[in-house]
Amino acid sequence: MADERSFPSQWLRAVLPLTVMHILRNGTAYGYDISTQIKTAGLGDIKGGTLYPLLGRLERNGLISAQWQPGKSGPGRKYYKLTDSGRTHLEAQTQQWAIFTRTTSQLFAQPKDTSNA
């Protein structure tokens, strides 16, 4: 279920490539499906003007591939899939993200130093 949190846009921009690749680790998906999964996860509504340029960059960098497939009852859709290089990149980035979030969480959990007040 979607959570109506509002995160700073720079946080979302930073984590969006990793988020998209994480969604694609289980198979193919098209743009609207990806944005729906992001929204359902609680990260908000990602507009096409943000998502599609990102998908293009990931494709140009060889991290995902794209293929048009005919629609069953409408226009065709472009489906995206994680490449082998993308899987390797995702694993490395996921490990780095875990270290980063653990480090920042530890910093934020430190008690306030009142000696400088």
PDB file of N, CA and C in Angstrom:
ATOM      1  N   MET A   1       0.838  -1.178   0.000  1.00  0.00           N
ATOM      2  CA  MET A   1       0.000   0.000   0.000  1.00  0.00           C
ATOM      3  C   MET A   1       0.882   1.239   0.000  1.00  0.00           C
ATOM      4  N   ALA A   2       0.489   2.231  -0.738  1.00  0.00           N
ATOM      5  CA  ALA A   2       1.271   3.452  -0.839  1.00  0.00           C
ATOM      6  C   ALA A   2       1.260   4.216   0.478  1.00  0.00           C
ATOM      7  N   ASP A   3       2.397   4.745   0.830  1.00  0.00           N
ATOM      8  CA  ASP A   3       2.552   5.568   2.015  1.00  0.00           C
ATOM      9  C   ASP A   3       2.704   6.995   1.518  1.00  0.00           C
ATOM     10  N   GLU A   4       1.972   7.917   2.085  1.00  0.00           N
ATOM     11  CA  GLU A   4       1.963   9.287   1.572  1.00  0.00           C
ATOM     12  C   GLU A   4       3.042  10.165   2.187  1.00  0.00           C
ATOM     13  N   ARG A   5       4.230   9.623   2.384  1.00  0.00           N
ATOM     14  CA  ARG A   5       5.353  10.414   2.868  1.00  0.00           C
ATOM     15  C   ARG A   5       5.810  11.345   1.764  1.00  0.00           C
ATOM     16  N   SER A   6       6.455  12.403   2.178  1.00  0.00           N
ATOM     17  CA  SER A   6       7.040  13.324   1.212  1.00  0.00           C
ATOM     18  C   SER A   6       8.526  13.439   1.523  1.00  0.00           C
ATOM     19  N   PHE A   7       9.345  12.912   0.634  1.00  0.00           N
ATOM     20  CA  PHE A   7      10.785  12.957   0.820  1.00  0.00           C
ATOM     21  C   PHE A   7      11.367  14.080  -0.028  1.00  0.00           C
ATOM     22  N   PRO A   8      12.465  14.669   0.400  1.00  0.00           N
ATOM     23  CA  PRO A   8      13.123  15.692  -0.428  1.00  0.00           C
ATOM     24  C   PRO A   8      13.482  15.118  -1.797  1.00  0.00           C
ATOM     25  N   SER A   9      13.282  15.917  -2.811  1.00  0.00           N
ATOM     26  CA  SER A   9      13.502  15.437  -4.183  1.00  0.00           C
ATOM     27  C   SER A   9      14.943  14.999  -4.417  1.00  0.00           C
ATOM     28  N   GLN A  10      15.909  15.653  -3.786  1.00  0.00           N
ATOM     29  CA  GLN A  10      17.303  15.252  -4.006  1.00  0.00           C
ATOM     30  C   GLN A  10      17.582  13.860  -3.438  1.00  0.00           C
ATOM     31  N   TRP A  11      16.877  13.455  -2.377  1.00  0.00           N
ATOM     32  CA  TRP A  11      17.023  12.099  -1.856  1.00  0.00           C
ATOM     33  C   TRP A  11      16.510  11.098  -2.879  1.00  0.00           C
ATOM     34  N   LEU A  12      15.345  11.394  -3.445  1.00  0.00           N
ATOM     35  CA  LEU A  12      14.747  10.484  -4.425  1.00  0.00           C
ATOM     36  C   LEU A  12      15.604  10.379  -5.679  1.00  0.00           C
ATOM     37  N   ARG A  13      16.118  11.512  -6.157  1.00  0.00           N
ATOM     38  CA  ARG A  13      16.985  11.486  -7.343  1.00  0.00           C
ATOM     39  C   ARG A  13      18.208  10.614  -7.095  1.00  0.00           C
ATOM     40  N   ALA A  14      18.738  10.665  -5.875  1.00  0.00           N
ATOM     41  CA  ALA A  14      19.942   9.894  -5.560  1.00  0.00           C
ATOM     42  C   ALA A  14      19.680   8.396  -5.550  1.00  0.00           C
ATOM     43  N   VAL A  15      18.524   7.985  -5.074  1.00  0.00           N
ATOM     44  CA  VAL A  15      18.248   6.554  -4.895  1.00  0.00           C
ATOM     45  C   VAL A  15      17.436   5.965  -6.058  1.00  0.00           C
ATOM     46  N   LEU A  16      16.913   6.790  -6.937  1.00  0.00           N
ATOM     47  CA  LEU A  16      16.041   6.302  -8.004  1.00  0.00           C
ATOM     48  C   LEU A  16      16.706   5.308  -8.955  1.00  0.00           C
ATOM     49  N   PRO A  17      17.936   5.516  -9.409  1.00  0.00           N
ATOM     50  CA  PRO A  17      18.532   4.506 -10.289  1.00  0.00           C
ATOM     51  C   PRO A  17      18.632   3.132  -9.620  1.00  0.00           C
ATOM     52  N   LEU A  18      19.055   3.111  -8.375  1.00  0.00           N
ATOM     53  CA  LEU A  18      19.160   1.854  -7.639  1.00  0.00           C
ATOM     54  C   LEU A  18      17.774   1.233  -7.438  1.00  0.00           C
ATOM     55  N   THR A  19      16.794   2.065  -7.163  1.00  0.00           N
ATOM     56  CA  THR A  19      15.421   1.592  -6.969  1.00  0.00           C
ATOM     57  C   THR A  19      14.884   0.940  -8.243  1.00  0.00           C
ATOM     58  N   VAL A  20      15.084   1.589  -9.373  1.00  0.00           N
ATOM     59  CA  VAL A  20      14.600   1.051 -10.655  1.00  0.00           C
ATOM     60  C   VAL A  20      15.285  -0.277 -10.954  1.00  0.00           C
ATOM     61  N   MET A  21      16.589  -0.342 -10.756  1.00  0.00           N
ATOM     62  CA  MET A  21      17.298  -1.588 -11.027  1.00  0.00           C
ATOM     63  C   MET A  21      16.858  -2.683 -10.063  1.00  0.00           C
ATOM     64  N   HIS A  22      16.552  -2.311  -8.837  1.00  0.00           N
ATOM     65  CA  HIS A  22      16.054  -3.281  -7.859  1.00  0.00           C
ATOM     66  C   HIS A  22      14.708  -3.865  -8.317  1.00  0.00           C
ATOM     67  N   ILE A  23      13.872  -3.028  -8.863  1.00  0.00           N
ATOM     68  CA  ILE A  23      12.579  -3.497  -9.387  1.00  0.00           C
ATOM     69  C   ILE A  23      12.806  -4.469 -10.540  1.00  0.00           C
ATOM     70  N   LEU A  24      13.767  -4.168 -11.392  1.00  0.00           N
ATOM     71  CA  LEU A  24      14.013  -4.992 -12.582  1.00  0.00           C
ATOM     72  C   LEU A  24      14.801  -6.270 -12.283  1.00  0.00           C
ATOM     73  N   ARG A  25      15.285  -6.441 -11.073  1.00  0.00           N
ATOM     74  CA  ARG A  25      16.062  -7.648 -10.758  1.00  0.00           C
ATOM     75  C   ARG A  25      15.224  -8.912 -10.871  1.00  0.00           C
ATOM     76  N   ASN A  26      13.911  -8.791 -10.772  1.00  0.00           N
ATOM     77  CA  ASN A  26      13.034  -9.960 -10.842  1.00  0.00           C
ATOM     78  C   ASN A  26      12.448 -10.210 -12.225  1.00  0.00           C
ATOM     79  N   GLY A  27      12.812  -9.399 -13.195  1.00  0.00           N
ATOM     80  CA  GLY A  27      12.299  -9.619 -14.543  1.00  0.00           C
ATOM     81  C   GLY A  27      12.006  -8.314 -15.248  1.00  0.00           C
ATOM     82  N   THR A  28      11.290  -8.403 -16.332  1.00  0.00           N
ATOM     83  CA  THR A  28      11.009  -7.231 -17.155  1.00  0.00           C
ATOM     84  C   THR A  28       9.825  -6.439 -16.598  1.00  0.00           C
ATOM     85  N   ALA A  29       9.829  -5.147 -16.925  1.00  0.00           N
ATOM     86  CA  ALA A  29       8.729  -4.262 -16.552  1.00  0.00           C
ATOM     87  C   ALA A  29       8.739  -3.077 -17.515  1.00  0.00           C
ATOM     88  N   TYR A  30       7.597  -2.471 -17.706  1.00  0.00           N
ATOM     89  CA  TYR A  30       7.506  -1.272 -18.537  1.00  0.00           C
ATOM     90  C   TYR A  30       7.423  -0.053 -17.617  1.00  0.00           C
ATOM     91  N   GLY A  31       7.595   1.118 -18.183  1.00  0.00           N
ATOM     92  CA  GLY A  31       7.713   2.339 -17.395  1.00  0.00           C
ATOM     93  C   GLY A  31       6.598   2.576 -16.395  1.00  0.00           C
ATOM     94  N   TYR A  32       5.354   2.482 -16.830  1.00  0.00           N
ATOM     95  CA  TYR A  32       4.243   2.742 -15.916  1.00  0.00           C
ATOM     96  C   TYR A  32       4.245   1.731 -14.768  1.00  0.00           C
ATOM     97  N   ASP A  33       4.562   0.493 -15.076  1.00  0.00           N
ATOM     98  CA  ASP A  33       4.637  -0.547 -14.040  1.00  0.00           C
ATOM     99  C   ASP A  33       5.728  -0.204 -13.021  1.00  0.00           C
ATOM    100  N   ILE A  34       6.863   0.251 -13.505  1.00  0.00           N
ATOM    101  CA  ILE A  34       7.961   0.636 -12.608  1.00  0.00           C
ATOM    102  C   ILE A  34       7.521   1.778 -11.703  1.00  0.00           C
ATOM    103  N   SER A  35       6.909   2.810 -12.278  1.00  0.00           N
ATOM    104  CA  SER A  35       6.482   3.953 -11.453  1.00  0.00           C
ATOM    105  C   SER A  35       5.419   3.539 -10.442  1.00  0.00           C
ATOM    106  N   THR A  36       4.541   2.608 -10.817  1.00  0.00           N
ATOM    107  CA  THR A  36       3.524   2.116  -9.885  1.00  0.00           C
ATOM    108  C   THR A  36       4.176   1.365  -8.727  1.00  0.00           C
ATOM    109  N   GLN A  37       5.168   0.551  -9.024  1.00  0.00           N
ATOM    110  CA  GLN A  37       5.861  -0.188  -7.965  1.00  0.00           C
ATOM    111  C   GLN A  37       6.599   0.762  -7.016  1.00  0.00           C
ATOM    112  N   ILE A  38       7.162   1.818  -7.557  1.00  0.00           N
ATOM    113  CA  ILE A  38       7.848   2.816  -6.725  1.00  0.00           C
ATOM    114  C   ILE A  38       6.842   3.505  -5.800  1.00  0.00           C
ATOM    115  N   LYS A  39       5.702   3.877  -6.361  1.00  0.00           N
ATOM    116  CA  LYS A  39       4.660   4.522  -5.558  1.00  0.00           C
ATOM    117  C   LYS A  39       4.122   3.573  -4.492  1.00  0.00           C
ATOM    118  N   THR A  40       3.880   2.327  -4.868  1.00  0.00           N
ATOM    119  CA  THR A  40       3.372   1.333  -3.919  1.00  0.00           C
ATOM    120  C   THR A  40       4.363   1.101  -2.777  1.00  0.00           C
ATOM    121  N   ALA A  41       5.647   1.199  -3.072  1.00  0.00           N
ATOM    122  CA  ALA A  41       6.684   1.020  -2.048  1.00  0.00           C
ATOM    123  C   ALA A  41       6.712   2.183  -1.057  1.00  0.00           C
ATOM    124  N   GLY A  42       6.053   3.291  -1.403  1.00  0.00           N
ATOM    125  CA  GLY A  42       5.995   4.427  -0.493  1.00  0.00           C
ATOM    126  C   GLY A  42       6.948   5.555  -0.819  1.00  0.00           C
ATOM    127  N   LEU A  43       7.538   5.525  -2.018  1.00  0.00           N
ATOM    128  CA  LEU A  43       8.485   6.574  -2.397  1.00  0.00           C
ATOM    129  C   LEU A  43       7.845   7.720  -3.169  1.00  0.00           C
ATOM    130  N   GLY A  44       6.552   7.675  -3.373  1.00  0.00           N
ATOM    131  CA  GLY A  44       5.869   8.775  -4.034  1.00  0.00           C
ATOM    132  C   GLY A  44       5.622   8.514  -5.506  1.00  0.00           C
ATOM    133  N   ASP A  45       5.046   9.506  -6.134  1.00  0.00           N
ATOM    134  CA  ASP A  45       4.653   9.435  -7.537  1.00  0.00           C
ATOM    135  C   ASP A  45       5.791   9.960  -8.406  1.00  0.00           C
ATOM    136  N   ILE A  46       6.447   9.076  -9.127  1.00  0.00           N
ATOM    137  CA  ILE A  46       7.551   9.459 -10.013  1.00  0.00           C
ATOM    138  C   ILE A  46       6.974   9.715 -11.397  1.00  0.00           C
ATOM    139  N   LYS A  47       7.115  10.918 -11.869  1.00  0.00           N
ATOM    140  CA  LYS A  47       6.558  11.324 -13.162  1.00  0.00           C
ATOM    141  C   LYS A  47       7.414  10.786 -14.312  1.00  0.00           C
ATOM    142  N   GLY A  48       6.764  10.655 -15.469  1.00  0.00           N
ATOM    143  CA  GLY A  48       7.453  10.170 -16.662  1.00  0.00           C
ATOM    144  C   GLY A  48       8.639  11.027 -17.053  1.00  0.00           C
ATOM    145  N   GLY A  49       8.551  12.332 -16.810  1.00  0.00           N
ATOM    146  CA  GLY A  49       9.640  13.247 -17.146  1.00  0.00           C
ATOM    147  C   GLY A  49      10.888  13.005 -16.312  1.00  0.00           C
ATOM    148  N   THR A  50      10.741  12.290 -15.220  1.00  0.00           N
ATOM    149  CA  THR A  50      11.872  11.890 -14.389  1.00  0.00           C
ATOM    150  C   THR A  50      12.288  10.463 -14.713  1.00  0.00           C
ATOM    151  N   LEU A  51      11.304   9.576 -14.839  1.00  0.00           N
ATOM    152  CA  LEU A  51      11.587   8.153 -15.006  1.00  0.00           C
ATOM    153  C   LEU A  51      12.178   7.814 -16.375  1.00  0.00           C
ATOM    154  N   TYR A  52      11.582   8.300 -17.452  1.00  0.00           N
ATOM    155  CA  TYR A  52      12.026   7.874 -18.782  1.00  0.00           C
ATOM    156  C   TYR A  52      13.437   8.352 -19.139  1.00  0.00           C
ATOM    157  N   PRO A  53      13.824   9.576 -18.791  1.00  0.00           N
ATOM    158  CA  PRO A  53      15.236   9.928 -19.020  1.00  0.00           C
ATOM    159  C   PRO A  53      16.192   9.046 -18.212  1.00  0.00           C
ATOM    160  N   LEU A  54      15.804   8.683 -16.989  1.00  0.00           N
ATOM    161  CA  LEU A  54      16.627   7.787 -16.181  1.00  0.00           C
ATOM    162  C   LEU A  54      16.757   6.421 -16.851  1.00  0.00           C
ATOM    163  N   LEU A  55      15.645   5.881 -17.338  1.00  0.00           N
ATOM    164  CA  LEU A  55      15.687   4.591 -18.036  1.00  0.00           C
ATOM    165  C   LEU A  55      16.606   4.672 -19.255  1.00  0.00           C
ATOM    166  N   GLY A  56      16.552   5.790 -19.960  1.00  0.00           N
ATOM    167  CA  GLY A  56      17.440   5.990 -21.113  1.00  0.00           C
ATOM    168  C   GLY A  56      18.905   5.999 -20.709  1.00  0.00           C
ATOM    169  N   ARG A  57      19.228   6.669 -19.593  1.00  0.00           N
ATOM    170  CA  ARG A  57      20.621   6.694 -19.113  1.00  0.00           C
ATOM    171  C   ARG A  57      21.081   5.304 -18.698  1.00  0.00           C
ATOM    172  N   LEU A  58      20.231   4.586 -17.973  1.00  0.00           N
ATOM    173  CA  LEU A  58      20.591   3.227 -17.564  1.00  0.00           C
ATOM    174  C   LEU A  58      20.824   2.329 -18.780  1.00  0.00           C
ATOM    175  N   GLU A  59      20.004   2.520 -19.807  1.00  0.00           N
ATOM    176  CA  GLU A  59      20.163   1.727 -21.034  1.00  0.00           C
ATOM    177  C   GLU A  59      21.454   2.104 -21.753  1.00  0.00           C
ATOM    178  N   ARG A  60      21.723   3.400 -21.896  1.00  0.00           N
ATOM    179  CA  ARG A  60      22.959   3.840 -22.559  1.00  0.00           C
ATOM    180  C   ARG A  60      24.199   3.353 -21.809  1.00  0.00           C
ATOM    181  N   ASN A  61      24.100   3.228 -20.492  1.00  0.00           N
ATOM    182  CA  ASN A  61      25.225   2.751 -19.683  1.00  0.00           C
ATOM    183  C   ASN A  61      25.325   1.229 -19.645  1.00  0.00           C
ATOM    184  N   GLY A  62      24.430   0.547 -20.351  1.00  0.00           N
ATOM    185  CA  GLY A  62      24.489  -0.908 -20.446  1.00  0.00           C
ATOM    186  C   GLY A  62      23.990  -1.642 -19.208  1.00  0.00           C
ATOM    187  N   LEU A  63      23.300  -0.937 -18.316  1.00  0.00           N
ATOM    188  CA  LEU A  63      22.819  -1.553 -17.086  1.00  0.00           C
ATOM    189  C   LEU A  63      21.454  -2.202 -17.257  1.00  0.00           C
ATOM    190  N   ILE A  64      20.686  -1.710 -18.226  1.00  0.00           N
ATOM    191  CA  ILE A  64      19.401  -2.314 -18.577  1.00  0.00           C
ATOM    192  C   ILE A  64      19.316  -2.394 -20.089  1.00  0.00           C
ATOM    193  N   SER A  65      18.429  -3.248 -20.569  1.00  0.00           N
ATOM    194  CA  SER A  65      18.145  -3.315 -22.002  1.00  0.00           C
ATOM    195  C   SER A  65      16.651  -3.062 -22.169  1.00  0.00           C
ATOM    196  N   ALA A  66      16.271  -2.692 -23.377  1.00  0.00           N
ATOM    197  CA  ALA A  66      14.863  -2.383 -23.642  1.00  0.00           C
ATOM    198  C   ALA A  66      14.419  -3.102 -24.906  1.00  0.00           C
ATOM    199  N   GLN A  67      13.156  -3.487 -24.914  1.00  0.00           N
ATOM    200  CA  GLN A  67      12.594  -4.160 -26.079  1.00  0.00           C
ATOM    201  C   GLN A  67      11.115  -3.792 -26.187  1.00  0.00           C
ATOM    202  N   TRP A  68      10.716  -3.407 -27.403  1.00  0.00           N
ATOM    203  CA  TRP A  68       9.301  -3.114 -27.652  1.00  0.00           C
ATOM    204  C   TRP A  68       8.544  -4.427 -27.801  1.00  0.00           C
ATOM    205  N   GLN A  69       7.375  -4.487 -27.190  1.00  0.00           N
ATOM    206  CA  GLN A  69       6.505  -5.654 -27.324  1.00  0.00           C
ATOM    207  C   GLN A  69       5.118  -5.162 -27.700  1.00  0.00           C
ATOM    208  N   PRO A  70       4.462  -5.872 -28.609  1.00  0.00           N
ATOM    209  CA  PRO A  70       3.121  -5.439 -29.013  1.00  0.00           C
ATOM    210  C   PRO A  70       2.139  -5.526 -27.847  1.00  0.00           C
ATOM    211  N   GLY A  71       1.194  -4.589 -27.835  1.00  0.00           N
ATOM    212  CA  GLY A  71       0.168  -4.599 -26.798  1.00  0.00           C
ATOM    213  C   GLY A  71      -0.923  -5.609 -27.124  1.00  0.00           C
ATOM    214  N   LYS A  72      -1.551  -6.149 -26.097  1.00  0.00           N
ATOM    215  CA  LYS A  72      -2.629  -7.115 -26.306  1.00  0.00           C
ATOM    216  C   LYS A  72      -3.904  -6.434 -26.781  1.00  0.00           C
ATOM    217  N   SER A  73      -4.181  -5.263 -26.226  1.00  0.00           N
ATOM    218  CA  SER A  73      -5.410  -4.567 -26.629  1.00  0.00           C
ATOM    219  C   SER A  73      -5.161  -3.080 -26.804  1.00  0.00           C
ATOM    220  N   GLY A  74      -3.941  -2.714 -27.084  1.00  0.00           N
ATOM    221  CA  GLY A  74      -3.600  -1.311 -27.255  1.00  0.00           C
ATOM    222  C   GLY A  74      -2.221  -1.185 -27.871  1.00  0.00           C
ATOM    223  N   PRO A  75      -1.626  -0.017 -27.674  1.00  0.00           N
ATOM    224  CA  PRO A  75      -0.299   0.199 -28.264  1.00  0.00           C
ATOM    225  C   PRO A  75       0.762  -0.675 -27.608  1.00  0.00           C
ATOM    226  N   GLY A  76       1.866  -0.841 -28.305  1.00  0.00           N
ATOM    227  CA  GLY A  76       2.980  -1.608 -27.768  1.00  0.00           C
ATOM    228  C   GLY A  76       3.605  -0.899 -26.585  1.00  0.00           C
ATOM    229  N   ARG A  77       4.399  -1.637 -25.850  1.00  0.00           N
ATOM    230  CA  ARG A  77       5.086  -1.089 -24.684  1.00  0.00           C
ATOM    231  C   ARG A  77       6.562  -1.441 -24.761  1.00  0.00           C
ATOM    232  N   LYS A  78       7.355  -0.550 -24.209  1.00  0.00           N
ATOM    233  CA  LYS A  78       8.788  -0.783 -24.122  1.00  0.00           C
ATOM    234  C   LYS A  78       9.065  -1.414 -22.764  1.00  0.00           C
ATOM    235  N   TYR A  79       9.557  -2.636 -22.792  1.00  0.00           N
ATOM    236  CA  TYR A  79       9.871  -3.374 -21.570  1.00  0.00           C
ATOM    237  C   TYR A  79      11.367  -3.283 -21.292  1.00  0.00           C
ATOM    238  N   TYR A  80      11.686  -3.113 -20.036  1.00  0.00           N
ATOM    239  CA  TYR A  80      13.068  -2.968 -19.596  1.00  0.00           C
ATOM    240  C   TYR A  80      13.486  -4.193 -18.800  1.00  0.00           C
ATOM    241  N   LYS A  81      14.777  -4.533 -18.931  1.00  0.00           N
ATOM    242  CA  LYS A  81      15.313  -5.721 -18.269  1.00  0.00           C
ATOM    243  C   LYS A  81      16.727  -5.406 -17.795  1.00  0.00           C
ATOM    244  N   LEU A  82      17.075  -5.900 -16.638  1.00  0.00           N
ATOM    245  CA  LEU A  82      18.413  -5.733 -16.097  1.00  0.00           C
ATOM    246  C   LEU A  82      19.387  -6.602 -16.890  1.00  0.00           C
ATOM    247  N   THR A  83      20.521  -6.039 -17.274  1.00  0.00           N
ATOM    248  CA  THR A  83      21.562  -6.800 -17.974  1.00  0.00           C
ATOM    249  C   THR A  83      22.464  -7.479 -16.939  1.00  0.00           C
ATOM    250  N   ASP A  84      23.344  -8.340 -17.408  1.00  0.00           N
ATOM    251  CA  ASP A  84      24.315  -8.975 -16.501  1.00  0.00           C
ATOM    252  C   ASP A  84      25.182  -7.904 -15.834  1.00  0.00           C
ATOM    253  N   SER A  85      25.592  -6.920 -16.619  1.00  0.00           N
ATOM    254  CA  SER A  85      26.379  -5.814 -16.073  1.00  0.00           C
ATOM    255  C   SER A  85      25.554  -5.039 -15.048  1.00  0.00           C
ATOM    256  N   GLY A  86      24.277  -4.886 -15.321  1.00  0.00           N
ATOM    257  CA  GLY A  86      23.381  -4.212 -14.390  1.00  0.00           C
ATOM    258  C   GLY A  86      23.238  -4.968 -13.082  1.00  0.00           C
ATOM    259  N   ARG A  87      23.174  -6.293 -13.156  1.00  0.00           N
ATOM    260  CA  ARG A  87      23.084  -7.112 -11.936  1.00  0.00           C
ATOM    261  C   ARG A  87      24.339  -6.941 -11.071  1.00  0.00           C
ATOM    262  N   THR A  88      25.492  -6.952 -11.716  1.00  0.00           N
ATOM    263  CA  THR A  88      26.753  -6.766 -10.989  1.00  0.00           C
ATOM    264  C   THR A  88      26.779  -5.385 -10.339  1.00  0.00           C
ATOM    265  N   HIS A  89      26.385  -4.377 -11.106  1.00  0.00           N
ATOM    266  CA  HIS A  89      26.347  -3.000 -10.601  1.00  0.00           C
ATOM    267  C   HIS A  89      25.353  -2.883  -9.448  1.00  0.00           C
ATOM    268  N   LEU A  90      24.197  -3.502  -9.590  1.00  0.00           N
ATOM    269  CA  LEU A  90      23.169  -3.472  -8.549  1.00  0.00           C
ATOM    270  C   LEU A  90      23.685  -4.090  -7.252  1.00  0.00           C
ATOM    271  N   GLU A  91      24.338  -5.229  -7.347  1.00  0.00           N
ATOM    272  CA  GLU A  91      24.878  -5.882  -6.148  1.00  0.00           C
ATOM    273  C   GLU A  91      25.882  -4.975  -5.433  1.00  0.00           C
ATOM    274  N   ALA A  92      26.789  -4.381  -6.200  1.00  0.00           N
ATOM    275  CA  ALA A  92      27.807  -3.510  -5.605  1.00  0.00           C
ATOM    276  C   ALA A  92      27.174  -2.267  -4.988  1.00  0.00           C
ATOM    277  N   GLN A  93      26.262  -1.656  -5.713  1.00  0.00           N
ATOM    278  CA  GLN A  93      25.617  -0.445  -5.218  1.00  0.00           C
ATOM    279  C   GLN A  93      24.724  -0.722  -4.012  1.00  0.00           C
ATOM    280  N   THR A  94      24.073  -1.873  -3.981  1.00  0.00           N
ATOM    281  CA  THR A  94      23.233  -2.239  -2.838  1.00  0.00           C
ATOM    282  C   THR A  94      24.088  -2.403  -1.590  1.00  0.00           C
ATOM    283  N   GLN A  95      25.257  -3.006  -1.744  1.00  0.00           N
ATOM    284  CA  GLN A  95      26.175  -3.148  -0.600  1.00  0.00           C
ATOM    285  C   GLN A  95      26.658  -1.780  -0.121  1.00  0.00           C
ATOM    286  N   GLN A  96      27.000  -0.900  -1.068  1.00  0.00           N
ATOM    287  CA  GLN A  96      27.440   0.446  -0.694  1.00  0.00           C
ATOM    288  C   GLN A  96      26.304   1.215  -0.016  1.00  0.00           C
ATOM    289  N   TRP A  97      25.091   1.057  -0.526  1.00  0.00           N
ATOM    290  CA  TRP A  97      23.936   1.744   0.058  1.00  0.00           C
ATOM    291  C   TRP A  97      23.724   1.285   1.504  1.00  0.00           C
ATOM    292  N   ALA A  98      23.872  -0.006   1.753  1.00  0.00           N
ATOM    293  CA  ALA A  98      23.704  -0.532   3.109  1.00  0.00           C
ATOM    294  C   ALA A  98      24.739   0.070   4.055  1.00  0.00           C
ATOM    295  N   ILE A  99      25.964   0.181   3.606  1.00  0.00           N
ATOM    296  CA  ILE A  99      27.022   0.792   4.425  1.00  0.00           C
ATOM    297  C   ILE A  99      26.706   2.270   4.667  1.00  0.00           C
ATOM    298  N   PHE A 100      26.307   2.957   3.627  1.00  0.00           N
ATOM    299  CA  PHE A 100      25.981   4.388   3.728  1.00  0.00           C
ATOM    300  C   PHE A 100      24.840   4.632   4.710  1.00  0.00           C
ATOM    301  N   THR A 101      23.758   3.871   4.579  1.00  0.00           N
ATOM    302  CA  THR A 101      22.607   4.085   5.461  1.00  0.00           C
ATOM    303  C   THR A 101      22.931   3.696   6.903  1.00  0.00           C
ATOM    304  N   ARG A 102      23.719   2.638   7.078  1.00  0.00           N
ATOM    305  CA  ARG A 102      24.128   2.237   8.430  1.00  0.00           C
ATOM    306  C   ARG A 102      24.996   3.336   9.050  1.00  0.00           C
ATOM    307  N   THR A 103      25.918   3.880   8.275  1.00  0.00           N
ATOM    308  CA  THR A 103      26.813   4.925   8.766  1.00  0.00           C
ATOM    309  C   THR A 103      26.046   6.188   9.142  1.00  0.00           C
ATOM    310  N   THR A 104      25.157   6.617   8.274  1.00  0.00           N
ATOM    311  CA  THR A 104      24.389   7.831   8.584  1.00  0.00           C
ATOM    312  C   THR A 104      23.430   7.595   9.744  1.00  0.00           C
ATOM    313  N   SER A 105      22.838   6.427   9.822  1.00  0.00           N
ATOM    314  CA  SER A 105      21.941   6.124  10.950  1.00  0.00           C
ATOM    315  C   SER A 105      22.693   6.165  12.271  1.00  0.00           C
ATOM    316  N   GLN A 106      23.915   5.637  12.268  1.00  0.00           N
ATOM    317  CA  GLN A 106      24.726   5.671  13.495  1.00  0.00           C
ATOM    318  C   GLN A 106      25.069   7.112  13.877  1.00  0.00           C
ATOM    319  N   LEU A 107      25.391   7.910  12.893  1.00  0.00           N
ATOM    320  CA  LEU A 107      25.702   9.317  13.153  1.00  0.00           C
ATOM    321  C   LEU A 107      24.482  10.038  13.715  1.00  0.00           C
ATOM    322  N   PHE A 108      23.336   9.829  13.099  1.00  0.00           N
ATOM    323  CA  PHE A 108      22.113  10.510  13.529  1.00  0.00           C
ATOM    324  C   PHE A 108      21.651  10.049  14.903  1.00  0.00           C
ATOM    325  N   ALA A 109      22.026   8.836  15.298  1.00  0.00           N
ATOM    326  CA  ALA A 109      21.610   8.292  16.585  1.00  0.00           C
ATOM    327  C   ALA A 109      22.490   8.770  17.740  1.00  0.00           C
ATOM    328  N   GLN A 110      23.609   9.421  17.415  1.00  0.00           N
ATOM    329  CA  GLN A 110      24.490   9.898  18.474  1.00  0.00           C
ATOM    330  C   GLN A 110      23.774  10.976  19.284  1.00  0.00           C
ATOM    331  N   PRO A 111      23.987  10.947  20.606  1.00  0.00           N
ATOM    332  CA  PRO A 111      23.341  11.978  21.438  1.00  0.00           C
ATOM    333  C   PRO A 111      23.905  13.359  21.133  1.00  0.00           C
ATOM    334  N   LYS A 112      23.088  14.340  21.357  1.00  0.00           N
ATOM    335  CA  LYS A 112      23.477  15.721  21.111  1.00  0.00           C
ATOM    336  C   LYS A 112      24.587  16.116  22.072  1.00  0.00           C
ATOM    337  N   ASP A 113      25.626  16.745  21.532  1.00  0.00           N
ATOM    338  CA  ASP A 113      26.739  17.228  22.363  1.00  0.00           C
ATOM    339  C   ASP A 113      26.332  18.589  22.909  1.00  0.00           C
ATOM    340  N   THR A 114      26.108  18.668  24.195  1.00  0.00           N
ATOM    341  CA  THR A 114      25.657  19.919  24.821  1.00  0.00           C
ATOM    342  C   THR A 114      26.821  20.767  25.334  1.00  0.00           C
ATOM    343  N   SER A 115      28.059  20.289  25.178  1.00  0.00           N
ATOM    344  CA  SER A 115      29.203  21.041  25.691  1.00  0.00           C
ATOM    345  C   SER A 115      29.468  22.299  24.871  1.00  0.00           C
ATOM    346  N   ASN A 116      29.002  22.339  23.606  1.00  0.00           N
ATOM    347  CA  ASN A 116      29.229  23.500  22.749  1.00  0.00           C
ATOM    348  C   ASN A 116      28.064  24.469  22.773  1.00  0.00           C
ATOM    349  N   ALA A 117      27.057  24.198  23.525  1.00  0.00           N
ATOM    350  CA  ALA A 117      25.858  25.036  23.523  1.00  0.00           C
ATOM    351  C   ALA A 117      26.058  26.298  24.304  1.00  0.00           C
TER     352      ALA A 117
END
